[in-house]
N, C-alpha and C. Protein backbone atom coordinates (compact mmCIF):
# COMPACT_ATOMS: atom_id res chain seq x y z
N MET A 1 107.40 105.33 79.19
CA MET A 1 106.36 106.02 79.93
C MET A 1 106.45 107.50 79.57
N ASP A 2 105.31 108.06 79.21
CA ASP A 2 105.31 109.49 78.88
C ASP A 2 105.21 110.31 80.17
N GLU A 3 105.48 111.59 80.05
CA GLU A 3 105.53 112.46 81.22
C GLU A 3 104.17 112.66 81.89
N ASP A 4 103.09 112.62 81.11
CA ASP A 4 101.75 112.72 81.71
C ASP A 4 101.47 111.54 82.62
N GLU A 5 101.84 110.35 82.15
CA GLU A 5 101.61 109.16 82.97
C GLU A 5 102.50 109.18 84.21
N ARG A 6 103.75 109.59 84.06
CA ARG A 6 104.66 109.69 85.21
C ARG A 6 104.07 110.66 86.23
N ALA A 7 103.53 111.78 85.77
CA ALA A 7 102.93 112.77 86.66
C ALA A 7 101.72 112.19 87.40
N ARG A 8 100.89 111.42 86.70
CA ARG A 8 99.73 110.79 87.35
C ARG A 8 100.17 109.79 88.42
N LEU A 9 101.15 108.96 88.09
CA LEU A 9 101.64 107.98 89.06
C LEU A 9 102.30 108.67 90.26
N ARG A 10 103.03 109.74 90.01
CA ARG A 10 103.63 110.50 91.10
C ARG A 10 102.58 111.11 92.02
N THR A 11 101.49 111.58 91.44
CA THR A 11 100.41 112.16 92.24
C THR A 11 99.81 111.12 93.18
N VAL A 12 99.58 109.91 92.66
CA VAL A 12 99.05 108.82 93.50
C VAL A 12 100.04 108.50 94.61
N ALA A 13 101.33 108.40 94.28
CA ALA A 13 102.34 108.08 95.29
C ALA A 13 102.42 109.16 96.36
N ASP A 14 102.38 110.43 95.96
CA ASP A 14 102.43 111.53 96.93
C ASP A 14 101.22 111.50 97.86
N TYR A 15 100.06 111.19 97.29
CA TYR A 15 98.84 111.12 98.10
C TYR A 15 98.92 109.96 99.09
N GLN A 16 99.38 108.80 98.61
CA GLN A 16 99.38 107.61 99.45
C GLN A 16 100.51 107.60 100.48
N PHE A 17 101.71 108.03 100.09
CA PHE A 17 102.88 107.91 100.96
C PHE A 17 103.38 109.23 101.53
N GLY A 18 102.92 110.35 100.99
CA GLY A 18 103.37 111.65 101.47
C GLY A 18 104.18 112.39 100.42
N ALA A 19 104.32 113.69 100.64
CA ALA A 19 105.02 114.55 99.68
C ALA A 19 106.42 114.03 99.41
N GLY A 20 106.78 114.01 98.14
CA GLY A 20 108.10 113.55 97.72
C GLY A 20 108.18 112.09 97.34
N ALA A 21 107.15 111.32 97.67
CA ALA A 21 107.16 109.88 97.38
C ALA A 21 107.15 109.62 95.87
N GLY A 22 106.40 110.43 95.14
CA GLY A 22 106.33 110.24 93.69
C GLY A 22 107.68 110.43 93.04
N ALA A 23 108.41 111.46 93.44
CA ALA A 23 109.74 111.70 92.89
C ALA A 23 110.72 110.61 93.32
N ALA A 24 110.56 110.08 94.54
CA ALA A 24 111.43 109.01 95.01
C ALA A 24 111.19 107.71 94.24
N LEU A 25 109.94 107.38 94.01
CA LEU A 25 109.62 106.14 93.30
C LEU A 25 109.84 106.23 91.80
N PHE A 26 109.50 107.38 91.22
CA PHE A 26 109.52 107.53 89.76
C PHE A 26 110.35 108.75 89.36
N PRO A 27 111.68 108.70 89.52
CA PRO A 27 112.51 109.87 89.21
C PRO A 27 112.41 110.24 87.73
N ALA A 28 112.53 111.52 87.46
CA ALA A 28 112.39 112.03 86.10
C ALA A 28 113.49 111.53 85.17
N ASP A 29 114.67 111.25 85.70
CA ASP A 29 115.80 110.86 84.86
C ASP A 29 115.91 109.35 84.66
N GLU A 30 114.93 108.57 85.10
CA GLU A 30 114.98 107.11 84.98
C GLU A 30 113.95 106.61 83.99
N SER A 31 114.37 105.67 83.18
CA SER A 31 113.45 105.03 82.25
C SER A 31 112.66 103.96 83.01
N LEU A 32 111.35 104.05 82.98
CA LEU A 32 110.48 103.10 83.67
C LEU A 32 109.59 102.39 82.66
N THR A 33 109.20 101.17 83.01
CA THR A 33 108.31 100.39 82.16
C THR A 33 107.00 100.18 82.91
N VAL A 34 105.89 100.40 82.23
CA VAL A 34 104.58 100.17 82.83
C VAL A 34 103.96 98.96 82.14
N LEU A 35 103.67 97.91 82.93
CA LEU A 35 102.95 96.76 82.42
C LEU A 35 101.46 97.02 82.62
N ARG A 36 100.68 96.70 81.61
CA ARG A 36 99.26 97.04 81.63
C ARG A 36 98.38 95.80 81.58
N THR A 37 97.15 95.97 82.06
CA THR A 37 96.15 94.91 81.94
C THR A 37 95.65 94.89 80.50
N SER A 38 94.80 93.95 80.19
CA SER A 38 94.25 93.86 78.83
C SER A 38 93.38 95.07 78.49
N THR A 39 92.91 95.78 79.51
CA THR A 39 92.08 96.97 79.26
C THR A 39 92.93 98.25 79.18
N GLY A 40 94.24 98.13 79.41
CA GLY A 40 95.12 99.28 79.31
C GLY A 40 95.43 99.97 80.62
N ARG A 41 94.84 99.51 81.72
CA ARG A 41 95.09 100.11 83.03
C ARG A 41 96.50 99.73 83.50
N PRO A 42 97.26 100.68 84.06
CA PRO A 42 98.58 100.33 84.61
C PRO A 42 98.44 99.27 85.69
N GLN A 43 99.30 98.25 85.65
CA GLN A 43 99.23 97.19 86.63
C GLN A 43 100.51 97.09 87.46
N GLN A 44 101.67 97.24 86.81
CA GLN A 44 102.94 97.21 87.51
C GLN A 44 103.87 98.25 86.91
N VAL A 45 104.75 98.78 87.75
CA VAL A 45 105.76 99.71 87.27
C VAL A 45 107.11 99.09 87.58
N LEU A 46 107.94 98.97 86.54
CA LEU A 46 109.26 98.36 86.65
C LEU A 46 110.33 99.42 86.47
N SER A 47 111.44 99.25 87.18
CA SER A 47 112.57 100.17 87.03
C SER A 47 113.34 99.84 85.76
N HIS A 48 114.36 100.63 85.47
CA HIS A 48 115.15 100.43 84.26
C HIS A 48 115.81 99.06 84.20
N ASP A 49 116.10 98.45 85.35
CA ASP A 49 116.71 97.12 85.38
C ASP A 49 115.68 96.01 85.61
N GLU A 50 114.42 96.34 85.33
CA GLU A 50 113.31 95.38 85.37
C GLU A 50 112.94 94.90 86.77
N ASP A 51 113.34 95.61 87.81
CA ASP A 51 112.87 95.33 89.16
C ASP A 51 111.49 95.95 89.31
N ARG A 52 110.55 95.18 89.89
CA ARG A 52 109.21 95.73 90.13
C ARG A 52 109.30 96.71 91.29
N LEU A 53 108.79 97.92 91.07
CA LEU A 53 108.75 98.94 92.11
C LEU A 53 107.43 98.87 92.87
N VAL A 54 106.35 98.89 92.13
CA VAL A 54 105.01 98.88 92.71
C VAL A 54 104.05 98.14 91.79
N SER A 55 102.97 97.68 92.38
CA SER A 55 101.81 97.22 91.62
C SER A 55 100.71 98.23 91.87
N TYR A 56 99.87 98.42 90.88
CA TYR A 56 98.80 99.41 90.96
C TYR A 56 97.49 98.64 91.06
N THR A 57 96.81 98.74 92.20
CA THR A 57 95.60 97.93 92.42
C THR A 57 94.39 98.54 91.72
N VAL A 58 93.34 97.75 91.62
CA VAL A 58 92.11 98.25 91.00
C VAL A 58 91.47 99.35 91.85
N GLU A 59 91.84 99.44 93.13
CA GLU A 59 91.33 100.51 94.00
C GLU A 59 92.08 101.81 93.80
N GLY A 60 93.13 101.81 92.97
CA GLY A 60 93.88 103.02 92.71
C GLY A 60 94.98 103.30 93.71
N ARG A 61 95.45 102.27 94.41
CA ARG A 61 96.54 102.41 95.38
C ARG A 61 97.70 101.54 94.93
N PHE A 62 98.88 101.89 95.44
CA PHE A 62 100.07 101.09 95.15
C PHE A 62 100.29 100.06 96.24
N THR A 63 100.80 98.90 95.84
CA THR A 63 101.39 97.96 96.77
C THR A 63 102.87 97.94 96.48
N LEU A 64 103.67 98.01 97.52
CA LEU A 64 105.11 98.11 97.36
C LEU A 64 105.75 96.76 97.08
N ALA A 65 106.73 96.78 96.19
CA ALA A 65 107.65 95.66 96.02
C ALA A 65 108.91 96.03 96.80
N ALA A 66 109.82 95.08 96.93
CA ALA A 66 111.05 95.32 97.70
C ALA A 66 111.80 96.55 97.20
N SER A 67 111.95 96.69 95.89
CA SER A 67 112.68 97.83 95.33
C SER A 67 111.99 99.15 95.65
N GLY A 68 110.68 99.17 95.56
CA GLY A 68 109.92 100.38 95.88
C GLY A 68 110.02 100.74 97.35
N GLY A 69 109.95 99.74 98.23
CA GLY A 69 110.09 99.97 99.66
C GLY A 69 111.45 100.55 100.01
N ARG A 70 112.51 100.01 99.37
CA ARG A 70 113.85 100.53 99.60
C ARG A 70 113.96 101.99 99.15
N ARG A 71 113.42 102.28 97.96
CA ARG A 71 113.49 103.66 97.46
C ARG A 71 112.80 104.64 98.41
N LEU A 72 111.60 104.28 98.85
CA LEU A 72 110.88 105.18 99.75
C LEU A 72 111.64 105.37 101.06
N PHE A 73 112.11 104.28 101.63
CA PHE A 73 112.82 104.38 102.92
C PHE A 73 114.13 105.13 102.77
N ASP A 74 114.90 104.84 101.72
CA ASP A 74 116.20 105.50 101.53
C ASP A 74 116.05 107.00 101.30
N ARG A 75 114.99 107.40 100.60
CA ARG A 75 114.85 108.81 100.25
C ARG A 75 113.99 109.59 101.23
N LEU A 76 113.01 108.93 101.86
CA LEU A 76 112.09 109.64 102.75
C LEU A 76 112.16 109.16 104.20
N GLY A 77 112.68 107.96 104.43
CA GLY A 77 112.74 107.41 105.77
C GLY A 77 111.40 106.91 106.29
N ALA A 78 110.40 106.91 105.46
CA ALA A 78 109.06 106.52 105.90
C ALA A 78 108.30 105.98 104.72
N PRO A 79 107.23 105.34 104.90
CA PRO A 79 106.68 104.80 106.15
C PRO A 79 107.37 103.48 106.50
N HIS A 80 107.72 103.33 107.76
CA HIS A 80 108.41 102.09 108.13
C HIS A 80 108.05 101.63 109.54
N VAL A 81 108.32 100.35 109.76
CA VAL A 81 108.16 99.71 111.06
C VAL A 81 109.49 99.04 111.36
N GLU A 82 110.11 99.39 112.47
CA GLU A 82 111.41 98.81 112.87
C GLU A 82 111.16 97.64 113.81
N VAL A 83 111.78 96.49 113.49
CA VAL A 83 111.62 95.30 114.34
C VAL A 83 112.94 94.95 115.01
N GLY A 84 112.85 94.14 116.07
CA GLY A 84 114.03 93.70 116.80
C GLY A 84 114.73 92.55 116.11
N ASP A 85 115.97 92.28 116.54
CA ASP A 85 116.79 91.29 115.86
C ASP A 85 116.25 89.86 115.94
N GLU A 86 115.47 89.55 116.97
CA GLU A 86 114.96 88.18 117.11
C GLU A 86 113.96 87.80 116.02
N SER A 87 113.33 88.78 115.38
CA SER A 87 112.36 88.46 114.33
C SER A 87 112.92 88.61 112.91
N VAL A 88 114.15 89.11 112.78
CA VAL A 88 114.72 89.38 111.46
C VAL A 88 114.74 88.16 110.54
N PRO A 89 115.23 86.99 110.98
CA PRO A 89 115.28 85.85 110.05
C PRO A 89 113.89 85.45 109.53
N PHE A 90 112.90 85.57 110.37
CA PHE A 90 111.54 85.19 109.98
C PHE A 90 110.94 86.20 109.00
N VAL A 91 111.12 87.49 109.30
CA VAL A 91 110.57 88.54 108.44
C VAL A 91 111.27 88.52 107.08
N ARG A 92 112.60 88.33 107.07
CA ARG A 92 113.34 88.23 105.80
C ARG A 92 112.83 87.05 104.96
N ASP A 93 112.36 86.03 105.64
CA ASP A 93 111.86 84.83 104.96
C ASP A 93 110.41 85.01 104.48
N GLY A 94 109.83 86.19 104.74
CA GLY A 94 108.47 86.45 104.28
C GLY A 94 107.39 86.20 105.31
N LYS A 95 107.78 85.89 106.55
CA LYS A 95 106.80 85.69 107.62
C LYS A 95 106.36 87.05 108.15
N ASN A 96 105.17 87.09 108.72
CA ASN A 96 104.61 88.34 109.24
C ASN A 96 105.42 88.89 110.42
N ALA A 97 105.38 90.21 110.58
CA ALA A 97 106.03 90.88 111.71
C ALA A 97 105.00 91.05 112.82
N PHE A 98 105.32 90.57 114.01
CA PHE A 98 104.39 90.62 115.13
C PHE A 98 104.65 91.83 116.03
N ALA A 99 103.57 92.31 116.64
CA ALA A 99 103.61 93.53 117.45
C ALA A 99 104.63 93.45 118.58
N LYS A 100 104.78 92.29 119.20
CA LYS A 100 105.70 92.20 120.34
C LYS A 100 107.16 92.44 119.96
N PHE A 101 107.49 92.35 118.65
CA PHE A 101 108.86 92.57 118.20
C PHE A 101 109.09 93.95 117.60
N VAL A 102 108.04 94.79 117.55
CA VAL A 102 108.18 96.13 116.98
C VAL A 102 108.95 97.02 117.96
N GLN A 103 110.02 97.63 117.45
CA GLN A 103 110.86 98.52 118.25
C GLN A 103 110.47 99.98 118.07
N ALA A 104 110.06 100.33 116.84
CA ALA A 104 109.68 101.71 116.53
C ALA A 104 108.76 101.68 115.31
N VAL A 105 107.91 102.71 115.22
CA VAL A 105 106.99 102.81 114.09
C VAL A 105 106.66 104.29 113.86
N ASP A 106 106.50 104.66 112.59
CA ASP A 106 106.09 106.03 112.27
C ASP A 106 104.70 106.28 112.84
N ASP A 107 104.51 107.44 113.46
CA ASP A 107 103.23 107.79 114.09
C ASP A 107 102.05 107.77 113.13
N GLU A 108 102.30 108.03 111.86
CA GLU A 108 101.22 108.15 110.88
C GLU A 108 100.71 106.80 110.36
N VAL A 109 101.36 105.70 110.68
CA VAL A 109 100.98 104.39 110.14
C VAL A 109 99.60 103.99 110.65
N ARG A 110 98.75 103.60 109.70
CA ARG A 110 97.38 103.14 109.99
C ARG A 110 97.18 101.77 109.40
N PRO A 111 96.19 101.01 109.88
CA PRO A 111 95.92 99.71 109.26
C PRO A 111 95.62 99.87 107.78
N GLY A 112 96.21 98.99 106.97
CA GLY A 112 96.01 99.03 105.53
C GLY A 112 97.10 99.78 104.79
N ASP A 113 97.94 100.54 105.51
CA ASP A 113 99.02 101.28 104.87
C ASP A 113 100.12 100.34 104.40
N GLU A 114 100.74 100.68 103.28
CA GLU A 114 101.91 99.97 102.79
C GLU A 114 103.13 100.49 103.56
N VAL A 115 103.95 99.57 104.09
CA VAL A 115 105.11 99.97 104.89
C VAL A 115 106.33 99.13 104.53
N ALA A 116 107.49 99.69 104.84
CA ALA A 116 108.74 98.94 104.80
C ALA A 116 109.02 98.46 106.21
N VAL A 117 109.43 97.20 106.33
CA VAL A 117 109.84 96.67 107.63
C VAL A 117 111.36 96.76 107.66
N THR A 118 111.89 97.39 108.69
CA THR A 118 113.33 97.64 108.75
C THR A 118 113.95 97.03 110.00
N PHE A 119 115.26 96.83 109.91
CA PHE A 119 116.07 96.45 111.07
C PHE A 119 117.40 97.17 110.93
N ASP A 120 117.76 97.92 111.93
CA ASP A 120 119.05 98.60 111.96
C ASP A 120 119.28 99.47 110.71
N GLY A 121 118.20 100.15 110.28
CA GLY A 121 118.30 101.07 109.15
C GLY A 121 118.29 100.43 107.78
N THR A 122 117.98 99.14 107.71
CA THR A 122 117.96 98.41 106.43
C THR A 122 116.57 97.82 106.22
N VAL A 123 116.05 97.95 105.01
CA VAL A 123 114.75 97.37 104.69
C VAL A 123 114.91 95.86 104.55
N ILE A 124 114.11 95.11 105.33
CA ILE A 124 114.18 93.65 105.27
C ILE A 124 112.90 93.03 104.70
N ALA A 125 111.84 93.84 104.54
CA ALA A 125 110.59 93.34 103.97
C ALA A 125 109.67 94.51 103.67
N VAL A 126 108.64 94.22 102.89
CA VAL A 126 107.57 95.18 102.64
C VAL A 126 106.25 94.47 102.86
N GLY A 127 105.23 95.24 103.25
CA GLY A 127 103.94 94.64 103.48
C GLY A 127 102.89 95.66 103.86
N ARG A 128 101.80 95.15 104.41
CA ARG A 128 100.65 95.98 104.78
C ARG A 128 100.49 96.00 106.30
N ALA A 129 100.38 97.21 106.86
CA ALA A 129 100.17 97.36 108.30
C ALA A 129 98.80 96.80 108.67
N GLU A 130 98.76 96.05 109.74
CA GLU A 130 97.52 95.46 110.23
C GLU A 130 97.00 96.17 111.47
N LEU A 131 97.86 96.95 112.11
CA LEU A 131 97.51 97.67 113.33
C LEU A 131 97.89 99.14 113.16
N PRO A 132 97.26 100.03 113.93
CA PRO A 132 97.72 101.43 113.94
C PRO A 132 99.05 101.51 114.68
N ALA A 133 99.75 102.62 114.51
CA ALA A 133 101.06 102.80 115.15
C ALA A 133 101.00 102.58 116.66
N ASP A 134 100.00 103.14 117.33
CA ASP A 134 99.88 102.96 118.78
C ASP A 134 99.71 101.49 119.16
N GLY A 135 98.92 100.78 118.38
CA GLY A 135 98.72 99.35 118.64
C GLY A 135 99.99 98.56 118.48
N MET A 136 100.79 98.90 117.47
CA MET A 136 102.06 98.20 117.27
C MET A 136 103.00 98.42 118.45
N ARG A 137 102.96 99.62 119.01
CA ARG A 137 103.84 99.93 120.15
C ARG A 137 103.32 99.29 121.44
N ASP A 138 102.01 99.21 121.60
CA ASP A 138 101.43 98.80 122.88
C ASP A 138 101.12 97.32 123.00
N PHE A 139 100.72 96.67 121.91
CA PHE A 139 100.27 95.29 121.98
C PHE A 139 101.44 94.33 122.13
N GLN A 140 101.20 93.24 122.82
CA GLN A 140 102.21 92.19 122.97
C GLN A 140 101.84 90.94 122.17
N SER A 141 100.79 91.04 121.38
CA SER A 141 100.41 89.92 120.52
C SER A 141 99.75 90.47 119.26
N GLY A 142 99.67 89.63 118.27
CA GLY A 142 99.01 90.01 117.02
C GLY A 142 99.98 90.43 115.93
N VAL A 143 99.50 90.34 114.70
CA VAL A 143 100.29 90.69 113.53
C VAL A 143 100.32 92.21 113.38
N ALA A 144 101.52 92.77 113.31
CA ALA A 144 101.68 94.21 113.10
C ALA A 144 101.73 94.52 111.61
N VAL A 145 102.49 93.70 110.86
CA VAL A 145 102.62 93.88 109.42
C VAL A 145 102.47 92.54 108.73
N LYS A 146 101.54 92.48 107.80
CA LYS A 146 101.38 91.30 106.96
C LYS A 146 102.40 91.43 105.84
N VAL A 147 103.47 90.65 105.92
CA VAL A 147 104.58 90.78 104.99
C VAL A 147 104.22 90.20 103.63
N ARG A 148 104.47 90.97 102.59
CA ARG A 148 104.22 90.53 101.23
C ARG A 148 105.49 89.94 100.61
N GLU A 149 106.63 90.58 100.92
CA GLU A 149 107.90 90.16 100.32
C GLU A 149 109.04 90.39 101.29
N GLY A 150 109.72 89.32 101.66
CA GLY A 150 110.92 89.44 102.49
C GLY A 150 112.13 89.69 101.60
N ILE A 151 113.17 90.30 102.17
CA ILE A 151 114.36 90.63 101.41
C ILE A 151 115.55 89.94 102.06
N ASP A 152 116.23 89.07 101.31
CA ASP A 152 117.42 88.37 101.82
C ASP A 152 118.54 89.34 102.09
N ALA A 153 119.39 88.97 103.02
CA ALA A 153 120.52 89.84 103.39
C ALA A 153 121.52 89.96 102.25
């Protein structure tokens, strides 16, 4: 990946996830691989050890993979949704996180945002928020995060 492309991807990440996200996802000292569509558009970004970090959608947004979610959470602490222990086995297995089990959520989370689902400071899944932060805190029913990928312990 050349530096111009890294800079473009970092700009998208900073816009979508907040300042510093681009540097967290795509560090300057790491060799990254970009898989492309047949038209040449970036489709996936892989780390040096071939772990998928993000996919790049046709809308120009990233969807997080487990490795990307961990990087963002470890370096920025956000965006994340913290769940209680009773839902951990289900969420790790790739099942959705429900509002009644949400313990904490970043105030900035909106429906459609990519988030890390955490328990006790550890990322257990990544997915898309289905409710705003207030809804996740207040509702006792409904899907809070549509989980894309659960992470085994």
